[in-house]
N, C-alpha and C. Protein backbone atom coordinates (compact mmCIF):
# COMPACT_ATOMS: atom_id res chain seq x y z
N UNK A 1 106.24 131.69 141.72
CA UNK A 1 105.23 130.78 141.22
C UNK A 1 104.33 130.33 142.36
N UNK A 2 103.11 130.13 142.00
CA UNK A 2 102.18 129.64 143.01
C UNK A 2 102.19 128.12 143.01
N UNK A 3 101.70 127.54 144.06
CA UNK A 3 101.62 126.09 144.19
C UNK A 3 100.74 125.50 143.10
N UNK A 4 99.66 126.19 142.73
CA UNK A 4 98.75 125.68 141.70
C UNK A 4 99.47 125.52 140.37
N UNK A 5 100.42 126.38 140.07
CA UNK A 5 101.14 126.31 138.81
C UNK A 5 102.20 125.21 138.84
N UNK A 6 102.85 125.01 139.96
CA UNK A 6 103.91 124.01 140.08
C UNK A 6 103.33 122.59 140.02
N UNK A 7 102.18 122.37 140.63
CA UNK A 7 101.59 121.04 140.68
C UNK A 7 101.32 120.46 139.28
N UNK A 8 100.69 121.20 138.33
CA UNK A 8 100.51 120.63 136.99
C UNK A 8 101.84 120.34 136.29
N UNK A 9 102.84 121.18 136.50
CA UNK A 9 104.14 120.95 135.88
C UNK A 9 104.76 119.68 136.45
N UNK A 10 104.69 119.51 137.76
CA UNK A 10 105.23 118.32 138.40
C UNK A 10 104.51 117.07 137.90
N UNK A 11 103.17 117.12 137.80
CA UNK A 11 102.40 115.98 137.32
C UNK A 11 102.75 115.65 135.87
N UNK A 12 102.91 116.68 135.05
CA UNK A 12 103.28 116.45 133.65
C UNK A 12 104.66 115.83 133.56
N UNK A 13 105.58 116.31 134.39
CA UNK A 13 106.93 115.76 134.39
C UNK A 13 106.92 114.29 134.82
N UNK A 14 106.16 113.97 135.86
CA UNK A 14 106.07 112.58 136.32
C UNK A 14 105.45 111.68 135.26
N UNK A 15 104.43 112.18 134.57
CA UNK A 15 103.80 111.41 133.51
C UNK A 15 104.80 111.15 132.38
N UNK A 16 105.57 112.16 132.01
CA UNK A 16 106.57 112.00 130.95
C UNK A 16 107.63 110.98 131.35
N UNK A 17 108.08 111.02 132.59
CA UNK A 17 109.08 110.06 133.07
C UNK A 17 108.52 108.65 133.03
N UNK A 18 107.27 108.47 133.46
CA UNK A 18 106.66 107.15 133.45
C UNK A 18 106.51 106.62 132.03
N UNK A 19 106.10 107.48 131.09
CA UNK A 19 105.95 107.05 129.71
C UNK A 19 107.29 106.65 129.11
N UNK A 20 108.32 107.44 129.37
CA UNK A 20 109.65 107.11 128.85
C UNK A 20 110.18 105.84 129.48
N UNK A 21 109.93 105.64 130.74
CA UNK A 21 110.41 104.45 131.42
C UNK A 21 109.70 103.20 130.93
N UNK A 22 108.46 103.34 130.47
CA UNK A 22 107.72 102.18 130.02
C UNK A 22 108.15 101.73 128.63
N UNK A 23 108.85 102.58 127.88
CA UNK A 23 109.33 102.20 126.56
C UNK A 23 110.61 101.40 126.72
N UNK A 24 110.63 100.19 126.14
CA UNK A 24 111.82 99.36 126.29
C UNK A 24 112.78 99.49 125.13
N UNK A 25 112.44 100.32 124.13
CA UNK A 25 113.35 100.57 123.03
C UNK A 25 113.39 99.48 121.98
N UNK A 26 112.49 98.48 122.03
CA UNK A 26 112.54 97.40 121.06
C UNK A 26 111.72 97.68 119.81
N UNK A 27 110.87 98.68 119.82
CA UNK A 27 110.03 98.96 118.66
C UNK A 27 110.83 99.74 117.62
N UNK A 28 110.88 99.21 116.40
CA UNK A 28 111.56 99.86 115.29
C UNK A 28 110.56 100.64 114.45
N UNK A 29 109.35 100.08 114.29
CA UNK A 29 108.29 100.70 113.49
C UNK A 29 106.95 100.22 114.04
N UNK A 30 105.98 101.13 114.09
CA UNK A 30 104.64 100.78 114.55
C UNK A 30 103.64 101.72 113.89
N UNK A 31 102.66 101.15 113.22
CA UNK A 31 101.64 101.96 112.55
C UNK A 31 100.35 101.16 112.48
N UNK A 32 99.23 101.86 112.52
CA UNK A 32 97.93 101.21 112.47
C UNK A 32 97.07 101.86 111.40
N UNK A 33 96.24 101.04 110.76
CA UNK A 33 95.29 101.53 109.76
C UNK A 33 93.89 101.22 110.26
N UNK A 34 93.05 102.24 110.32
CA UNK A 34 91.67 102.04 110.71
C UNK A 34 90.90 101.45 109.54
N UNK A 35 90.01 100.53 109.84
CA UNK A 35 89.17 99.90 108.83
C UNK A 35 87.82 100.60 108.84
N UNK A 36 87.29 100.86 107.67
CA UNK A 36 86.01 101.53 107.51
C UNK A 36 84.93 100.79 108.31
N UNK A 37 84.09 101.55 108.99
CA UNK A 37 83.02 100.95 109.81
C UNK A 37 82.07 100.09 108.99
N UNK A 38 81.96 100.38 107.71
CA UNK A 38 81.09 99.60 106.83
C UNK A 38 81.66 98.23 106.50
N UNK A 39 82.92 98.01 106.83
CA UNK A 39 83.56 96.72 106.59
C UNK A 39 84.84 96.86 105.78
N UNK A 40 85.63 95.81 105.80
CA UNK A 40 86.91 95.76 105.10
C UNK A 40 86.68 95.10 103.75
N UNK A 41 86.76 95.88 102.70
CA UNK A 41 86.55 95.37 101.35
C UNK A 41 87.74 94.52 100.92
N UNK A 42 87.47 93.49 100.16
CA UNK A 42 88.52 92.60 99.67
C UNK A 42 89.52 93.36 98.80
N UNK A 43 89.08 94.45 98.19
CA UNK A 43 89.95 95.24 97.30
C UNK A 43 90.78 96.27 98.06
N UNK A 44 90.54 96.44 99.35
CA UNK A 44 91.28 97.44 100.14
C UNK A 44 92.41 96.78 100.92
N UNK A 45 93.57 97.40 100.85
CA UNK A 45 94.73 96.91 101.61
C UNK A 45 95.13 97.94 102.64
N UNK A 46 95.55 97.46 103.79
CA UNK A 46 96.17 98.33 104.79
C UNK A 46 97.65 98.36 104.41
N UNK A 47 98.18 99.56 104.12
CA UNK A 47 99.54 99.68 103.60
C UNK A 47 100.47 100.36 104.61
N UNK A 48 101.68 99.83 104.68
CA UNK A 48 102.67 100.33 105.63
C UNK A 48 104.02 100.42 104.92
N UNK A 49 104.67 101.57 105.03
CA UNK A 49 105.98 101.79 104.44
C UNK A 49 107.01 101.89 105.55
N UNK A 50 107.98 100.99 105.52
CA UNK A 50 109.00 100.91 106.56
C UNK A 50 110.35 101.20 105.93
N UNK A 51 111.02 102.24 106.41
CA UNK A 51 112.37 102.53 105.93
C UNK A 51 113.35 101.77 106.82
N UNK A 52 114.14 100.93 106.20
CA UNK A 52 115.08 100.07 106.93
C UNK A 52 116.50 100.57 106.69
N UNK A 53 117.19 100.86 107.78
CA UNK A 53 118.60 101.24 107.70
C UNK A 53 119.46 100.33 108.56
N UNK A 54 118.90 99.19 108.98
CA UNK A 54 119.62 98.25 109.83
C UNK A 54 119.45 96.84 109.25
N UNK A 55 120.51 96.31 108.67
CA UNK A 55 120.45 94.95 108.11
C UNK A 55 121.25 93.96 108.95
N UNK A 56 121.68 94.39 110.12
CA UNK A 56 122.51 93.51 110.96
C UNK A 56 121.71 92.79 112.04
N UNK A 57 120.62 93.38 112.49
CA UNK A 57 119.84 92.77 113.57
C UNK A 57 118.69 91.93 113.03
N UNK A 58 118.20 91.03 113.88
CA UNK A 58 116.99 90.28 113.57
C UNK A 58 115.79 91.06 114.10
N UNK A 59 114.68 90.96 113.37
CA UNK A 59 113.46 91.68 113.72
C UNK A 59 112.28 90.71 113.75
N UNK A 60 111.31 91.02 114.59
CA UNK A 60 110.01 90.35 114.56
C UNK A 60 109.08 91.24 113.76
N UNK A 61 108.47 90.67 112.72
CA UNK A 61 107.47 91.39 111.94
C UNK A 61 106.12 90.94 112.48
N UNK A 62 105.34 91.88 113.00
CA UNK A 62 104.10 91.55 113.69
C UNK A 62 102.90 92.22 113.04
N UNK A 63 101.83 91.47 112.96
CA UNK A 63 100.55 91.99 112.49
C UNK A 63 99.61 92.00 113.69
N UNK A 64 98.97 93.13 113.91
CA UNK A 64 98.01 93.22 115.01
C UNK A 64 96.63 93.50 114.43
N UNK A 65 95.65 92.79 114.94
CA UNK A 65 94.26 92.96 114.49
C UNK A 65 93.40 93.28 115.69
N UNK A 66 92.55 94.27 115.52
CA UNK A 66 91.54 94.58 116.54
C UNK A 66 90.18 94.28 115.92
N UNK A 67 89.49 93.33 116.53
CA UNK A 67 88.12 93.02 116.10
C UNK A 67 87.17 93.30 117.25
N UNK A 68 85.91 93.55 116.90
CA UNK A 68 84.95 93.69 117.98
C UNK A 68 84.34 92.33 118.26
N UNK A 69 83.66 92.22 119.37
CA UNK A 69 83.15 90.92 119.82
C UNK A 69 82.01 90.40 118.95
N UNK A 70 81.56 91.19 118.00
CA UNK A 70 80.51 90.75 117.07
C UNK A 70 81.10 90.03 115.85
N UNK A 71 82.42 90.01 115.73
CA UNK A 71 83.07 89.34 114.59
C UNK A 71 82.57 87.91 114.52
N UNK A 72 82.01 87.48 113.37
CA UNK A 72 81.31 86.19 113.33
C UNK A 72 82.18 84.95 113.13
N UNK A 73 83.48 85.12 112.94
CA UNK A 73 84.35 83.97 112.65
C UNK A 73 85.35 83.76 113.78
N UNK A 74 85.97 82.59 113.79
CA UNK A 74 86.98 82.30 114.81
C UNK A 74 88.39 82.58 114.30
N UNK A 75 88.51 82.92 113.00
CA UNK A 75 89.83 83.19 112.45
C UNK A 75 89.73 84.31 111.41
N UNK A 76 90.89 84.70 110.91
CA UNK A 76 90.97 85.71 109.86
C UNK A 76 92.15 85.34 108.98
N UNK A 77 91.91 85.23 107.68
CA UNK A 77 92.99 84.98 106.73
C UNK A 77 93.45 86.31 106.16
N UNK A 78 94.77 86.47 106.07
CA UNK A 78 95.35 87.69 105.52
C UNK A 78 96.34 87.34 104.42
N UNK A 79 96.42 88.21 103.41
CA UNK A 79 97.47 88.16 102.40
C UNK A 79 98.38 89.35 102.68
N UNK A 80 99.68 89.08 102.83
CA UNK A 80 100.65 90.13 103.09
C UNK A 80 101.63 90.16 101.92
N UNK A 81 101.58 91.24 101.15
CA UNK A 81 102.51 91.43 100.03
C UNK A 81 103.60 92.39 100.47
N UNK A 82 104.84 91.96 100.30
CA UNK A 82 105.99 92.78 100.66
C UNK A 82 106.73 93.17 99.39
N UNK A 83 106.89 94.47 99.19
CA UNK A 83 107.70 94.96 98.07
C UNK A 83 109.02 95.44 98.65
N UNK A 84 110.11 94.85 98.17
CA UNK A 84 111.45 95.14 98.65
C UNK A 84 112.01 96.39 97.96
N UNK A 85 113.06 96.99 98.51
CA UNK A 85 113.64 98.19 97.90
C UNK A 85 114.06 98.01 96.44
N UNK A 86 114.42 96.77 96.05
CA UNK A 86 114.84 96.54 94.66
C UNK A 86 113.66 96.25 93.73
N UNK A 87 112.42 96.31 94.27
CA UNK A 87 111.22 96.09 93.46
C UNK A 87 110.71 94.67 93.47
N UNK A 88 111.46 93.73 94.01
CA UNK A 88 110.97 92.36 94.07
C UNK A 88 109.83 92.27 95.10
N UNK A 89 108.98 91.26 94.93
CA UNK A 89 107.78 91.13 95.77
C UNK A 89 107.70 89.72 96.33
N UNK A 90 107.30 89.60 97.59
CA UNK A 90 106.98 88.30 98.16
C UNK A 90 105.58 88.37 98.74
N UNK A 91 104.90 87.23 98.73
CA UNK A 91 103.53 87.15 99.22
C UNK A 91 103.45 86.10 100.32
N UNK A 92 102.80 86.44 101.40
CA UNK A 92 102.58 85.51 102.50
C UNK A 92 101.09 85.42 102.77
N UNK A 93 100.64 84.23 103.15
CA UNK A 93 99.27 84.03 103.60
C UNK A 93 99.33 83.68 105.07
N UNK A 94 98.51 84.34 105.86
CA UNK A 94 98.47 84.10 107.30
C UNK A 94 97.06 83.70 107.71
N UNK A 95 96.97 82.70 108.57
CA UNK A 95 95.71 82.41 109.23
C UNK A 95 95.86 82.83 110.68
N UNK A 96 95.04 83.75 111.11
CA UNK A 96 95.09 84.26 112.47
C UNK A 96 93.94 83.66 113.26
N UNK A 97 94.22 82.77 114.21
CA UNK A 97 93.14 82.26 115.07
C UNK A 97 92.75 83.35 116.07
N UNK A 98 91.51 83.79 116.02
CA UNK A 98 91.04 84.86 116.91
C UNK A 98 90.28 84.32 118.10
N UNK A 99 89.69 83.13 117.95
CA UNK A 99 88.93 82.51 119.05
C UNK A 99 89.21 81.02 119.07
N UNK A 100 89.08 80.40 120.24
CA UNK A 100 89.27 78.95 120.32
C UNK A 100 87.99 78.26 119.83
N UNK A 101 87.99 76.94 119.69
CA UNK A 101 86.82 76.22 119.16
C UNK A 101 85.53 76.45 119.93
N UNK A 102 85.63 76.81 121.22
CA UNK A 102 84.41 77.06 122.00
C UNK A 102 83.93 78.51 121.88
N UNK A 103 84.68 79.34 121.11
CA UNK A 103 84.27 80.72 120.90
C UNK A 103 84.88 81.74 121.84
N UNK A 104 85.82 81.32 122.68
CA UNK A 104 86.47 82.24 123.61
C UNK A 104 87.57 82.98 122.86
N UNK A 105 87.55 84.32 122.94
CA UNK A 105 88.54 85.13 122.26
C UNK A 105 89.93 84.86 122.81
N UNK A 106 90.93 84.80 121.92
CA UNK A 106 92.29 84.47 122.31
C UNK A 106 93.14 85.69 122.64
N UNK A 107 92.80 86.85 122.10
CA UNK A 107 93.61 88.05 122.32
C UNK A 107 93.25 88.75 123.61
N UNK A 108 93.79 89.95 123.75
CA UNK A 108 93.50 90.78 124.92
C UNK A 108 92.13 91.42 124.74
N UNK A 109 91.24 91.09 125.64
CA UNK A 109 89.84 91.53 125.57
C UNK A 109 89.66 92.77 126.42
N UNK A 110 89.11 93.82 125.81
CA UNK A 110 88.87 95.07 126.53
C UNK A 110 87.55 95.66 126.04
N UNK A 111 86.54 95.56 126.85
CA UNK A 111 85.23 96.08 126.45
C UNK A 111 84.70 95.31 125.25
N UNK A 112 84.39 96.05 124.18
CA UNK A 112 83.83 95.45 122.97
C UNK A 112 84.91 94.94 122.01
N UNK A 113 86.18 95.17 122.31
CA UNK A 113 87.24 94.87 121.35
C UNK A 113 88.21 93.82 121.87
N UNK A 114 88.81 93.13 120.90
CA UNK A 114 89.83 92.11 121.18
C UNK A 114 91.05 92.45 120.33
N UNK A 115 92.21 92.56 120.95
CA UNK A 115 93.46 92.83 120.24
C UNK A 115 94.28 91.55 120.19
N UNK A 116 94.69 91.18 118.98
CA UNK A 116 95.48 89.98 118.77
C UNK A 116 96.72 90.34 117.97
N UNK A 117 97.84 89.71 118.30
CA UNK A 117 99.12 90.00 117.64
C UNK A 117 99.75 88.70 117.17
N UNK A 118 100.24 88.70 115.92
CA UNK A 118 100.81 87.50 115.31
C UNK A 118 102.11 87.84 114.59
N UNK A 119 103.04 86.90 114.63
CA UNK A 119 104.32 87.09 113.95
C UNK A 119 104.20 86.65 112.50
N UNK A 120 104.57 87.53 111.61
CA UNK A 120 104.63 87.21 110.19
C UNK A 120 105.85 86.34 109.94
N UNK A 121 105.71 85.31 109.15
CA UNK A 121 106.78 84.38 108.76
C UNK A 121 107.22 83.47 109.90
N UNK A 122 106.60 83.53 111.07
CA UNK A 122 106.84 82.57 112.13
C UNK A 122 108.14 82.68 112.89
N UNK A 123 109.10 83.43 112.40
CA UNK A 123 110.37 83.54 113.09
C UNK A 123 110.99 84.90 112.80
N UNK A 124 111.97 85.30 113.60
CA UNK A 124 112.63 86.59 113.34
C UNK A 124 113.29 86.60 111.96
N UNK A 125 113.34 87.79 111.37
CA UNK A 125 113.95 87.94 110.05
C UNK A 125 115.03 89.02 110.11
N UNK A 126 115.92 88.95 109.17
CA UNK A 126 116.93 89.98 108.97
C UNK A 126 116.63 90.60 107.60
N UNK A 127 116.48 91.91 107.54
CA UNK A 127 116.21 92.56 106.26
C UNK A 127 117.43 92.40 105.37
N UNK A 128 117.24 91.95 104.12
CA UNK A 128 118.38 91.68 103.25
C UNK A 128 119.04 92.92 102.67
N UNK A 129 118.33 94.04 102.65
CA UNK A 129 118.89 95.27 102.07
C UNK A 129 118.30 96.49 102.75
N UNK A 130 119.04 97.58 102.71
CA UNK A 130 118.53 98.84 103.25
C UNK A 130 117.61 99.48 102.21
N UNK A 131 116.69 100.29 102.72
CA UNK A 131 115.78 101.00 101.83
C UNK A 131 114.35 100.93 102.32
N UNK A 132 113.43 101.24 101.44
CA UNK A 132 112.02 101.32 101.79
C UNK A 132 111.30 100.02 101.42
N UNK A 133 110.65 99.43 102.41
CA UNK A 133 109.85 98.23 102.23
C UNK A 133 108.39 98.63 102.31
N UNK A 134 107.58 98.10 101.41
CA UNK A 134 106.15 98.39 101.39
C UNK A 134 105.40 97.09 101.72
N UNK A 135 104.59 97.14 102.78
CA UNK A 135 103.79 95.99 103.20
C UNK A 135 102.33 96.33 102.95
N UNK A 136 101.64 95.49 102.17
CA UNK A 136 100.22 95.67 101.88
C UNK A 136 99.47 94.45 102.43
N UNK A 137 98.53 94.70 103.34
CA UNK A 137 97.79 93.62 104.00
C UNK A 137 96.33 93.69 103.57
N UNK A 138 95.85 92.58 103.00
CA UNK A 138 94.44 92.48 102.57
C UNK A 138 93.85 91.23 103.22
N UNK A 139 92.54 91.24 103.44
CA UNK A 139 91.93 90.04 104.00
C UNK A 139 91.75 89.00 102.90
N UNK A 140 91.77 87.76 103.31
CA UNK A 140 91.61 86.65 102.37
C UNK A 140 90.48 85.74 102.79
N UNK A 141 89.44 86.31 103.35
CA UNK A 141 88.31 85.51 103.82
C UNK A 141 87.48 85.03 102.63
N UNK A 142 86.85 83.91 102.82
CA UNK A 142 85.99 83.32 101.80
C UNK A 142 84.62 83.09 102.39
N UNK A 143 83.62 83.22 101.54
CA UNK A 143 82.24 82.95 101.96
C UNK A 143 81.69 81.81 101.14
N UNK A 144 80.52 81.39 101.46
CA UNK A 144 79.89 80.31 100.70
C UNK A 144 78.56 80.80 100.14
N UNK A 145 78.31 80.41 98.91
CA UNK A 145 77.04 80.72 98.27
C UNK A 145 76.60 79.47 97.53
N UNK A 146 75.53 78.86 97.96
CA UNK A 146 75.02 77.62 97.36
C UNK A 146 76.09 76.53 97.35
N UNK A 147 76.90 76.48 98.41
CA UNK A 147 77.91 75.44 98.50
C UNK A 147 79.19 75.74 97.73
N UNK A 148 79.23 76.86 97.01
CA UNK A 148 80.43 77.21 96.25
C UNK A 148 81.25 78.22 97.02
N UNK A 149 82.56 78.02 97.00
CA UNK A 149 83.46 78.92 97.71
C UNK A 149 83.66 80.18 96.87
N UNK A 150 83.26 81.32 97.40
CA UNK A 150 83.42 82.59 96.68
C UNK A 150 84.13 83.59 97.59
N UNK A 151 84.71 84.60 97.01
CA UNK A 151 85.38 85.63 97.80
C UNK A 151 84.38 86.47 98.58
N UNK A 152 84.67 86.70 99.83
CA UNK A 152 83.83 87.57 100.65
C UNK A 152 84.19 89.01 100.28
N UNK A 153 83.25 89.75 99.79
CA UNK A 153 83.54 91.13 99.37
C UNK A 153 83.89 92.03 100.54
N UNK A 154 83.20 91.84 101.66
CA UNK A 154 83.40 92.71 102.82
C UNK A 154 83.44 91.87 104.09
N UNK A 155 84.43 92.14 104.92
CA UNK A 155 84.51 91.52 106.25
C UNK A 155 84.17 92.59 107.26
N UNK A 156 83.16 92.35 108.06
CA UNK A 156 82.73 93.33 109.06
C UNK A 156 83.36 93.02 110.41
N UNK A 157 83.32 94.03 111.27
CA UNK A 157 83.72 93.91 112.67
C UNK A 157 85.22 93.82 112.90
N UNK A 158 86.02 94.25 111.92
CA UNK A 158 87.45 94.45 112.12
C UNK A 158 87.63 95.96 112.24
N UNK A 159 88.20 96.42 113.34
CA UNK A 159 88.34 97.86 113.61
C UNK A 159 89.64 98.44 113.06
N UNK A 160 90.74 97.71 113.24
CA UNK A 160 92.01 98.18 112.68
C UNK A 160 92.99 97.03 112.49
N UNK A 161 93.96 97.32 111.64
CA UNK A 161 95.06 96.39 111.38
C UNK A 161 96.34 97.17 111.61
N UNK A 162 97.26 96.58 112.34
CA UNK A 162 98.52 97.24 112.61
C UNK A 162 99.69 96.42 112.11
N UNK A 163 100.80 97.12 111.87
CA UNK A 163 102.03 96.45 111.46
C UNK A 163 103.15 96.97 112.34
N UNK A 164 103.87 96.06 112.96
CA UNK A 164 104.95 96.44 113.87
C UNK A 164 106.23 95.72 113.48
N UNK A 165 107.33 96.41 113.63
CA UNK A 165 108.65 95.82 113.47
C UNK A 165 109.38 96.05 114.78
N UNK A 166 109.79 94.98 115.43
CA UNK A 166 110.48 95.09 116.71
C UNK A 166 111.80 94.35 116.64
N UNK A 167 112.79 94.90 117.34
CA UNK A 167 114.05 94.18 117.47
C UNK A 167 113.76 92.87 118.17
N UNK A 168 114.26 91.76 117.60
CA UNK A 168 114.00 90.45 118.18
C UNK A 168 114.88 90.19 119.38
N UNK A 169 114.31 89.55 120.36
CA UNK A 169 115.08 89.14 121.55
C UNK A 169 115.76 87.80 121.31
N UNK A 170 115.42 87.15 120.19
CA UNK A 170 115.92 85.80 119.90
C UNK A 170 117.14 85.83 118.98
N UNK A 171 117.98 86.84 119.10
CA UNK A 171 119.15 86.92 118.22
C UNK A 171 120.19 85.92 118.60
């Protein structure tokens, strides 16, 4: 083998080792849904299916939102519907503060985007049964028209919504 051939293999090996070392093994599920550039319609849900085979550990259920810096509000309301393996459904409403009162973004700012992560239900949870859980996340923003509170049909400047399940450190 020539030196030119060994060097890319060595670099690839080092990159793989670094990537594996950076994983701490706490992520159980992670998925992201891209939001249409034209905006997030009130009728569209970001859906995530999580197969659960561990009912003994506590988990953090996390929602991640990426908005661009043109997002006109300081918060985002979400409706999270959870369908359990037995068909029962629970609904949660979340208010995600994205900026402080002075307009400074609260999440990790990178270029034009801000990434924010929030815990669903405020504390770690234990899944009550094994099987497939379906999480549907829709925005719950409201607009005003002539002083009347009406549903905002489209929320612009949200790039993606993610759903993560991580083993909780607070067991």
